[in-house]
N, C-alpha and C. Protein backbone atom coordinates (compact mmCIF):
# COMPACT_ATOMS: atom_id res chain seq x y z
N GLN A 1 -11.03 -24.58 27.27
CA GLN A 1 -11.72 -24.02 28.41
C GLN A 1 -12.69 -22.99 27.93
N ASN A 2 -13.84 -22.89 28.55
CA ASN A 2 -14.82 -21.87 28.20
C ASN A 2 -14.47 -20.60 28.93
N THR A 3 -14.63 -19.49 28.27
CA THR A 3 -14.36 -18.21 28.89
C THR A 3 -15.57 -17.77 29.69
N SER A 4 -15.36 -17.00 30.70
CA SER A 4 -16.47 -16.53 31.51
C SER A 4 -17.13 -15.30 30.91
N ASN A 5 -16.56 -14.74 29.86
CA ASN A 5 -17.13 -13.56 29.24
C ASN A 5 -17.36 -13.78 27.75
N PRO A 6 -18.42 -14.51 27.39
CA PRO A 6 -18.64 -14.80 25.98
C PRO A 6 -18.96 -13.57 25.15
N SER A 7 -19.28 -12.44 25.76
CA SER A 7 -19.62 -11.25 24.99
C SER A 7 -18.42 -10.65 24.28
N GLU A 8 -17.19 -11.16 24.57
CA GLU A 8 -16.02 -10.64 23.87
C GLU A 8 -16.11 -10.89 22.37
N VAL A 9 -16.73 -11.99 21.96
CA VAL A 9 -16.86 -12.28 20.54
C VAL A 9 -18.26 -11.93 20.07
N SER A 10 -19.28 -12.43 20.72
CA SER A 10 -20.66 -12.14 20.38
C SER A 10 -21.51 -12.46 21.60
N PRO A 11 -22.53 -11.67 21.85
CA PRO A 11 -23.33 -11.90 23.05
C PRO A 11 -24.05 -13.25 23.05
N THR A 12 -24.22 -13.87 21.89
CA THR A 12 -24.99 -15.11 21.82
C THR A 12 -24.14 -16.33 21.49
N THR A 13 -22.84 -16.17 21.35
CA THR A 13 -21.97 -17.26 20.93
C THR A 13 -21.22 -17.85 22.11
N GLU A 14 -21.25 -19.19 22.22
CA GLU A 14 -20.42 -19.86 23.21
C GLU A 14 -18.98 -19.80 22.72
N THR A 15 -18.06 -19.47 23.62
CA THR A 15 -16.68 -19.27 23.20
C THR A 15 -15.72 -20.16 23.98
N GLU A 16 -14.52 -20.24 23.43
CA GLU A 16 -13.39 -20.87 24.10
C GLU A 16 -12.22 -19.90 24.01
N THR A 17 -11.28 -20.05 24.91
CA THR A 17 -10.09 -19.20 24.91
C THR A 17 -8.86 -20.08 24.77
N TYR A 18 -8.00 -19.74 23.82
CA TYR A 18 -6.73 -20.43 23.65
C TYR A 18 -5.65 -19.59 24.32
N SER A 19 -4.91 -20.19 25.23
CA SER A 19 -3.80 -19.53 25.89
C SER A 19 -2.51 -20.21 25.44
N SER A 20 -1.66 -19.47 24.78
CA SER A 20 -0.42 -20.01 24.23
C SER A 20 0.71 -19.92 25.25
N SER A 21 1.59 -20.88 25.21
CA SER A 21 2.78 -20.82 26.05
C SER A 21 3.75 -19.74 25.55
N PHE A 22 3.43 -19.14 24.39
CA PHE A 22 4.26 -18.06 23.84
C PHE A 22 3.68 -16.69 24.13
N GLY A 23 2.85 -16.59 25.17
CA GLY A 23 2.48 -15.29 25.72
C GLY A 23 1.29 -14.58 25.13
N TYR A 24 0.38 -15.28 24.48
CA TYR A 24 -0.83 -14.61 24.00
C TYR A 24 -2.05 -15.47 24.27
N GLU A 25 -3.19 -14.81 24.19
CA GLU A 25 -4.44 -15.55 24.33
C GLU A 25 -5.46 -14.92 23.39
N ILE A 26 -6.39 -15.76 22.93
CA ILE A 26 -7.39 -15.31 21.99
C ILE A 26 -8.68 -16.10 22.22
N THR A 27 -9.81 -15.43 22.12
CA THR A 27 -11.11 -16.05 22.34
C THR A 27 -11.82 -16.17 21.00
N TYR A 28 -12.50 -17.29 20.80
CA TYR A 28 -13.12 -17.58 19.51
C TYR A 28 -14.39 -18.41 19.72
N PRO A 29 -15.29 -18.44 18.73
CA PRO A 29 -16.50 -19.25 18.85
C PRO A 29 -16.16 -20.73 19.00
N ALA A 30 -16.80 -21.38 19.96
CA ALA A 30 -16.52 -22.79 20.26
C ALA A 30 -16.86 -23.71 19.09
N THR A 31 -17.68 -23.25 18.16
CA THR A 31 -18.08 -24.10 17.03
C THR A 31 -17.00 -24.20 15.96
N TYR A 32 -15.98 -23.37 16.04
CA TYR A 32 -14.91 -23.41 15.04
C TYR A 32 -13.91 -24.50 15.35
N ASP A 33 -13.25 -24.98 14.31
CA ASP A 33 -12.17 -25.95 14.46
C ASP A 33 -10.87 -25.19 14.74
N THR A 34 -10.01 -25.81 15.52
CA THR A 34 -8.69 -25.22 15.74
C THR A 34 -7.64 -26.17 15.19
N SER A 35 -6.49 -25.62 14.89
CA SER A 35 -5.42 -26.45 14.35
C SER A 35 -4.07 -25.86 14.73
N SER A 36 -3.14 -26.72 15.02
CA SER A 36 -1.76 -26.28 15.21
C SER A 36 -0.90 -26.92 14.12
N ASP A 37 -1.54 -27.42 13.08
CA ASP A 37 -0.83 -28.09 12.00
C ASP A 37 -0.98 -27.33 10.70
N TYR A 38 -0.11 -26.36 10.53
CA TYR A 38 -0.04 -25.65 9.25
C TYR A 38 1.26 -26.04 8.58
N SER A 39 1.64 -27.32 8.72
CA SER A 39 2.96 -27.78 8.29
C SER A 39 3.18 -27.61 6.78
N VAL A 40 2.14 -27.79 5.98
CA VAL A 40 2.31 -27.60 4.54
C VAL A 40 2.59 -26.13 4.25
N TRP A 41 1.80 -25.26 4.88
CA TRP A 41 1.98 -23.82 4.69
C TRP A 41 3.36 -23.39 5.15
N THR A 42 3.79 -23.85 6.32
CA THR A 42 5.09 -23.43 6.82
C THR A 42 6.23 -24.03 6.02
N ALA A 43 6.06 -25.26 5.55
CA ALA A 43 7.12 -25.87 4.74
C ALA A 43 7.29 -25.11 3.43
N GLU A 44 6.17 -24.72 2.82
CA GLU A 44 6.25 -23.97 1.57
C GLU A 44 6.93 -22.62 1.78
N ASN A 45 6.73 -22.03 2.95
CA ASN A 45 7.28 -20.71 3.22
C ASN A 45 8.61 -20.75 3.96
N LYS A 46 9.15 -21.96 4.17
CA LYS A 46 10.47 -22.14 4.78
C LYS A 46 10.60 -21.41 6.11
N ASP A 47 9.56 -21.51 6.95
CA ASP A 47 9.57 -20.81 8.23
C ASP A 47 10.37 -21.58 9.27
N ILE A 48 11.69 -21.56 9.12
CA ILE A 48 12.53 -22.36 10.01
C ILE A 48 12.60 -21.77 11.41
N SER A 49 12.31 -20.49 11.58
CA SER A 49 12.36 -19.91 12.92
C SER A 49 10.97 -19.89 13.57
N LEU A 50 9.99 -20.50 12.93
CA LEU A 50 8.64 -20.55 13.46
C LEU A 50 8.62 -21.31 14.79
N LEU A 51 8.06 -20.67 15.82
CA LEU A 51 7.97 -21.30 17.14
C LEU A 51 6.61 -21.96 17.35
N GLU A 52 5.57 -21.34 16.83
CA GLU A 52 4.22 -21.88 16.96
C GLU A 52 3.36 -21.35 15.84
N SER A 53 2.47 -22.20 15.35
CA SER A 53 1.46 -21.76 14.39
C SER A 53 0.15 -22.39 14.83
N TRP A 54 -0.81 -21.56 15.15
CA TRP A 54 -2.09 -22.01 15.66
C TRP A 54 -3.18 -21.22 14.96
N GLY A 55 -4.30 -21.86 14.69
CA GLY A 55 -5.33 -21.12 13.99
C GLY A 55 -6.73 -21.63 14.24
N ILE A 56 -7.68 -20.85 13.76
CA ILE A 56 -9.10 -21.14 13.85
C ILE A 56 -9.61 -21.28 12.43
N ASN A 57 -10.30 -22.37 12.16
CA ASN A 57 -10.82 -22.65 10.82
C ASN A 57 -12.32 -22.79 10.85
N ARG A 58 -12.94 -22.35 9.78
CA ARG A 58 -14.37 -22.60 9.54
C ARG A 58 -14.41 -23.38 8.24
N GLY A 59 -14.55 -24.71 8.37
CA GLY A 59 -14.43 -25.55 7.19
C GLY A 59 -13.01 -25.47 6.67
N GLN A 60 -12.87 -25.16 5.39
CA GLN A 60 -11.54 -25.02 4.78
C GLN A 60 -11.01 -23.60 4.85
N GLU A 61 -11.77 -22.69 5.42
CA GLU A 61 -11.40 -21.28 5.45
C GLU A 61 -10.65 -20.94 6.73
N VAL A 62 -9.50 -20.30 6.60
CA VAL A 62 -8.73 -19.87 7.77
C VAL A 62 -9.33 -18.57 8.27
N VAL A 63 -9.93 -18.63 9.46
CA VAL A 63 -10.50 -17.41 10.05
C VAL A 63 -9.37 -16.56 10.60
N ILE A 64 -8.50 -17.19 11.41
CA ILE A 64 -7.32 -16.51 11.95
C ILE A 64 -6.22 -17.55 12.13
N ALA A 65 -5.01 -17.20 11.74
CA ALA A 65 -3.84 -18.02 12.02
C ALA A 65 -2.80 -17.13 12.70
N VAL A 66 -2.29 -17.58 13.83
CA VAL A 66 -1.29 -16.84 14.58
C VAL A 66 0.03 -17.61 14.49
N SER A 67 1.04 -16.96 13.97
CA SER A 67 2.38 -17.54 13.89
C SER A 67 3.30 -16.76 14.80
N VAL A 68 4.09 -17.47 15.59
CA VAL A 68 4.97 -16.84 16.57
C VAL A 68 6.42 -17.08 16.16
N TYR A 69 7.20 -16.00 16.17
CA TYR A 69 8.62 -16.04 15.82
C TYR A 69 9.42 -15.33 16.91
N PRO A 70 10.72 -15.62 16.99
CA PRO A 70 11.56 -14.86 17.93
C PRO A 70 11.60 -13.39 17.52
N LEU A 71 11.58 -12.50 18.49
CA LEU A 71 11.71 -11.08 18.21
C LEU A 71 13.04 -10.85 17.48
N GLY A 72 13.01 -10.02 16.47
CA GLY A 72 14.20 -9.78 15.67
C GLY A 72 14.14 -10.46 14.31
N GLU A 73 13.16 -11.34 14.12
CA GLU A 73 13.01 -12.07 12.86
C GLU A 73 12.00 -11.40 11.91
N GLU A 74 11.48 -10.24 12.30
CA GLU A 74 10.39 -9.61 11.54
C GLU A 74 10.70 -9.43 10.07
N ALA A 75 11.85 -8.87 9.75
CA ALA A 75 12.18 -8.57 8.35
C ALA A 75 12.21 -9.83 7.50
N SER A 76 12.86 -10.88 7.98
CA SER A 76 12.94 -12.11 7.18
C SER A 76 11.58 -12.80 7.08
N VAL A 77 10.79 -12.75 8.15
CA VAL A 77 9.45 -13.36 8.11
C VAL A 77 8.58 -12.65 7.09
N LEU A 78 8.59 -11.32 7.11
CA LEU A 78 7.78 -10.57 6.14
C LEU A 78 8.26 -10.85 4.72
N GLU A 79 9.56 -10.87 4.52
CA GLU A 79 10.11 -11.13 3.19
C GLU A 79 9.75 -12.53 2.71
N ASP A 80 9.93 -13.54 3.57
CA ASP A 80 9.63 -14.93 3.21
C ASP A 80 8.16 -15.11 2.83
N ASN A 81 7.27 -14.40 3.53
CA ASN A 81 5.83 -14.53 3.29
C ASN A 81 5.29 -13.53 2.28
N LYS A 82 6.18 -12.70 1.74
CA LYS A 82 5.81 -11.68 0.76
C LYS A 82 4.77 -10.71 1.31
N TYR A 83 4.93 -10.38 2.61
CA TYR A 83 4.10 -9.37 3.25
C TYR A 83 4.92 -8.09 3.37
N VAL A 84 4.22 -6.98 3.44
CA VAL A 84 4.85 -5.69 3.61
C VAL A 84 4.24 -5.04 4.84
N ASN A 85 5.07 -4.39 5.63
CA ASN A 85 4.57 -3.62 6.76
C ASN A 85 3.80 -2.44 6.17
N GLY A 86 2.49 -2.42 6.42
CA GLY A 86 1.64 -1.37 5.85
C GLY A 86 1.80 -0.02 6.51
N LYS A 87 2.61 0.05 7.57
CA LYS A 87 2.91 1.28 8.29
C LYS A 87 1.65 1.96 8.84
N VAL A 88 0.60 1.15 9.07
CA VAL A 88 -0.63 1.66 9.67
C VAL A 88 -0.77 0.96 11.02
N MET A 89 -0.82 1.75 12.07
CA MET A 89 -0.96 1.17 13.41
C MET A 89 -2.40 0.74 13.64
N VAL A 90 -2.55 -0.41 14.28
CA VAL A 90 -3.86 -0.97 14.60
C VAL A 90 -3.90 -1.18 16.11
N THR A 91 -4.90 -0.61 16.78
CA THR A 91 -5.06 -0.83 18.21
C THR A 91 -6.27 -1.70 18.43
N LEU A 92 -6.05 -2.87 19.03
CA LEU A 92 -7.15 -3.79 19.31
C LEU A 92 -7.86 -3.34 20.58
N SER A 93 -9.10 -3.78 20.74
CA SER A 93 -9.84 -3.38 21.94
C SER A 93 -9.21 -3.92 23.21
N SER A 94 -8.36 -4.95 23.08
CA SER A 94 -7.64 -5.48 24.24
C SER A 94 -6.49 -4.56 24.66
N GLY A 95 -6.22 -3.52 23.85
CA GLY A 95 -5.13 -2.59 24.14
C GLY A 95 -3.85 -2.93 23.41
N VAL A 96 -3.79 -4.07 22.74
CA VAL A 96 -2.60 -4.48 21.99
C VAL A 96 -2.49 -3.60 20.74
N ILE A 97 -1.27 -3.17 20.46
CA ILE A 97 -1.01 -2.35 19.27
C ILE A 97 -0.22 -3.18 18.28
N GLY A 98 -0.68 -3.18 17.04
CA GLY A 98 0.00 -3.90 15.97
C GLY A 98 0.16 -3.03 14.75
N THR A 99 0.72 -3.62 13.72
CA THR A 99 0.93 -2.94 12.45
C THR A 99 0.24 -3.75 11.36
N MET A 100 -0.52 -3.07 10.51
CA MET A 100 -1.21 -3.76 9.43
C MET A 100 -0.20 -4.35 8.45
N LEU A 101 -0.49 -5.57 7.99
CA LEU A 101 0.33 -6.22 6.97
C LEU A 101 -0.45 -6.24 5.67
N ILE A 102 0.26 -5.98 4.57
CA ILE A 102 -0.38 -6.04 3.26
C ILE A 102 0.39 -7.04 2.39
N ASP A 103 -0.31 -7.59 1.41
CA ASP A 103 0.34 -8.55 0.51
C ASP A 103 0.90 -7.83 -0.70
N GLN A 104 1.43 -8.59 -1.64
CA GLN A 104 2.07 -7.98 -2.81
C GLN A 104 1.08 -7.28 -3.73
N ASN A 105 -0.23 -7.52 -3.52
CA ASN A 105 -1.25 -6.80 -4.30
C ASN A 105 -1.79 -5.59 -3.55
N ASN A 106 -1.10 -5.21 -2.48
CA ASN A 106 -1.46 -4.06 -1.65
C ASN A 106 -2.79 -4.25 -0.92
N LEU A 107 -3.13 -5.51 -0.63
CA LEU A 107 -4.36 -5.82 0.10
C LEU A 107 -4.01 -6.22 1.54
N PRO A 108 -4.80 -5.77 2.50
CA PRO A 108 -4.52 -6.15 3.89
C PRO A 108 -4.73 -7.64 4.12
N VAL A 109 -3.80 -8.27 4.85
CA VAL A 109 -3.90 -9.70 5.13
C VAL A 109 -3.90 -10.01 6.62
N GLY A 110 -3.61 -9.02 7.45
CA GLY A 110 -3.57 -9.24 8.88
C GLY A 110 -2.75 -8.19 9.58
N ILE A 111 -2.25 -8.56 10.77
CA ILE A 111 -1.43 -7.62 11.53
C ILE A 111 -0.20 -8.32 12.11
N MET A 112 0.77 -7.49 12.48
CA MET A 112 1.97 -7.96 13.16
C MET A 112 2.01 -7.27 14.51
N VAL A 113 2.21 -8.06 15.57
CA VAL A 113 2.30 -7.53 16.93
C VAL A 113 3.66 -7.91 17.48
N GLU A 114 4.36 -6.94 18.05
CA GLU A 114 5.66 -7.21 18.66
C GLU A 114 5.49 -7.24 20.16
N GLY A 115 5.88 -8.37 20.78
CA GLY A 115 5.92 -8.48 22.23
C GLY A 115 7.34 -8.21 22.70
N SER A 116 7.62 -8.52 23.95
CA SER A 116 8.98 -8.27 24.44
C SER A 116 9.96 -9.35 24.01
N ASN A 117 9.47 -10.55 23.69
CA ASN A 117 10.35 -11.64 23.26
C ASN A 117 9.98 -12.25 21.92
N TYR A 118 8.76 -12.02 21.48
CA TYR A 118 8.25 -12.67 20.27
C TYR A 118 7.55 -11.66 19.37
N VAL A 119 7.47 -12.04 18.09
CA VAL A 119 6.65 -11.29 17.15
C VAL A 119 5.53 -12.22 16.70
N TYR A 120 4.32 -11.69 16.64
CA TYR A 120 3.13 -12.46 16.30
C TYR A 120 2.61 -11.98 14.95
N ILE A 121 2.49 -12.89 14.00
CA ILE A 121 1.92 -12.59 12.70
C ILE A 121 0.52 -13.21 12.70
N ILE A 122 -0.49 -12.36 12.58
CA ILE A 122 -1.88 -12.81 12.64
C ILE A 122 -2.50 -12.55 11.27
N ILE A 123 -2.82 -13.63 10.56
CA ILE A 123 -3.38 -13.48 9.21
C ILE A 123 -4.78 -14.06 9.15
N THR A 124 -5.48 -13.71 8.09
CA THR A 124 -6.85 -14.17 7.90
C THR A 124 -7.19 -14.22 6.43
N SER A 125 -8.21 -14.99 6.10
CA SER A 125 -8.78 -14.92 4.75
C SER A 125 -10.04 -14.06 4.78
N LEU A 126 -10.33 -13.46 5.94
CA LEU A 126 -11.55 -12.67 6.13
C LEU A 126 -11.27 -11.22 6.47
N GLU A 127 -10.16 -10.66 6.02
CA GLU A 127 -9.80 -9.28 6.35
C GLU A 127 -10.98 -8.35 6.07
N GLY A 128 -11.29 -7.51 7.05
CA GLY A 128 -12.39 -6.56 6.90
C GLY A 128 -13.74 -7.13 7.28
N ASN A 129 -13.80 -8.42 7.58
CA ASN A 129 -15.04 -9.08 7.97
C ASN A 129 -15.28 -8.84 9.46
N GLU A 130 -16.52 -8.56 9.83
CA GLU A 130 -16.84 -8.26 11.23
C GLU A 130 -16.50 -9.44 12.15
N GLU A 131 -16.71 -10.65 11.66
CA GLU A 131 -16.42 -11.85 12.44
C GLU A 131 -14.92 -11.91 12.79
N TYR A 132 -14.07 -11.66 11.81
CA TYR A 132 -12.63 -11.63 12.03
C TYR A 132 -12.28 -10.52 13.01
N ASP A 133 -12.85 -9.35 12.81
CA ASP A 133 -12.56 -8.22 13.69
C ASP A 133 -12.94 -8.53 15.13
N ASP A 134 -14.10 -9.19 15.33
CA ASP A 134 -14.55 -9.55 16.67
C ASP A 134 -13.58 -10.50 17.35
N ILE A 135 -13.11 -11.50 16.62
CA ILE A 135 -12.17 -12.47 17.20
C ILE A 135 -10.82 -11.82 17.45
N LEU A 136 -10.33 -11.06 16.46
CA LEU A 136 -9.04 -10.39 16.60
C LEU A 136 -9.04 -9.45 17.79
N SER A 137 -10.17 -8.83 18.07
CA SER A 137 -10.24 -7.87 19.18
C SER A 137 -9.98 -8.53 20.52
N THR A 138 -10.07 -9.86 20.59
CA THR A 138 -9.83 -10.56 21.85
C THR A 138 -8.36 -10.95 22.05
N PHE A 139 -7.53 -10.77 21.01
CA PHE A 139 -6.11 -11.13 21.09
C PHE A 139 -5.46 -10.27 22.16
N SER A 140 -4.80 -10.90 23.12
CA SER A 140 -4.10 -10.13 24.13
C SER A 140 -2.78 -10.81 24.49
N LEU A 141 -1.84 -10.00 24.93
CA LEU A 141 -0.55 -10.52 25.38
C LEU A 141 -0.68 -10.79 26.88
N ILE A 142 -0.38 -12.03 27.29
CA ILE A 142 -0.52 -12.38 28.69
C ILE A 142 0.84 -12.42 29.38
N SER A 143 1.87 -12.73 28.65
CA SER A 143 3.26 -12.69 29.12
C SER A 143 4.10 -13.26 27.99
N ASP A 144 5.26 -12.72 27.81
CA ASP A 144 6.13 -13.32 26.77
C ASP A 144 7.56 -13.04 27.01
């Protein structure tokens, strides 16, 4: 579905909004590919409690991938993925508050957002890129 407010990502970009049954929504440029098949990635990381994995790709590059887990699984998810809670709070323009995640090389890889029923791990290969920041800023919790 096209969003009625394309300026959330860029004033000149046509956008689409993905609304998840797991209580979040995110707006992204319509020219990007989407995927809910990160099965190789999840199999390698043994994400048995993974409820949903959805992402936006530009060619072979993962712009944003959102993985949803049951609330309470945060510690094992971070350990399995070799992420560390960076203990830095991140407030998105949508009002959602998350925590920065860093990898084993102490580099930021994304954020973790806790909802009332789920935890959302949002990663990117474009950390610090304005394009990623613009898309991430549209992430909002709609119900969970």
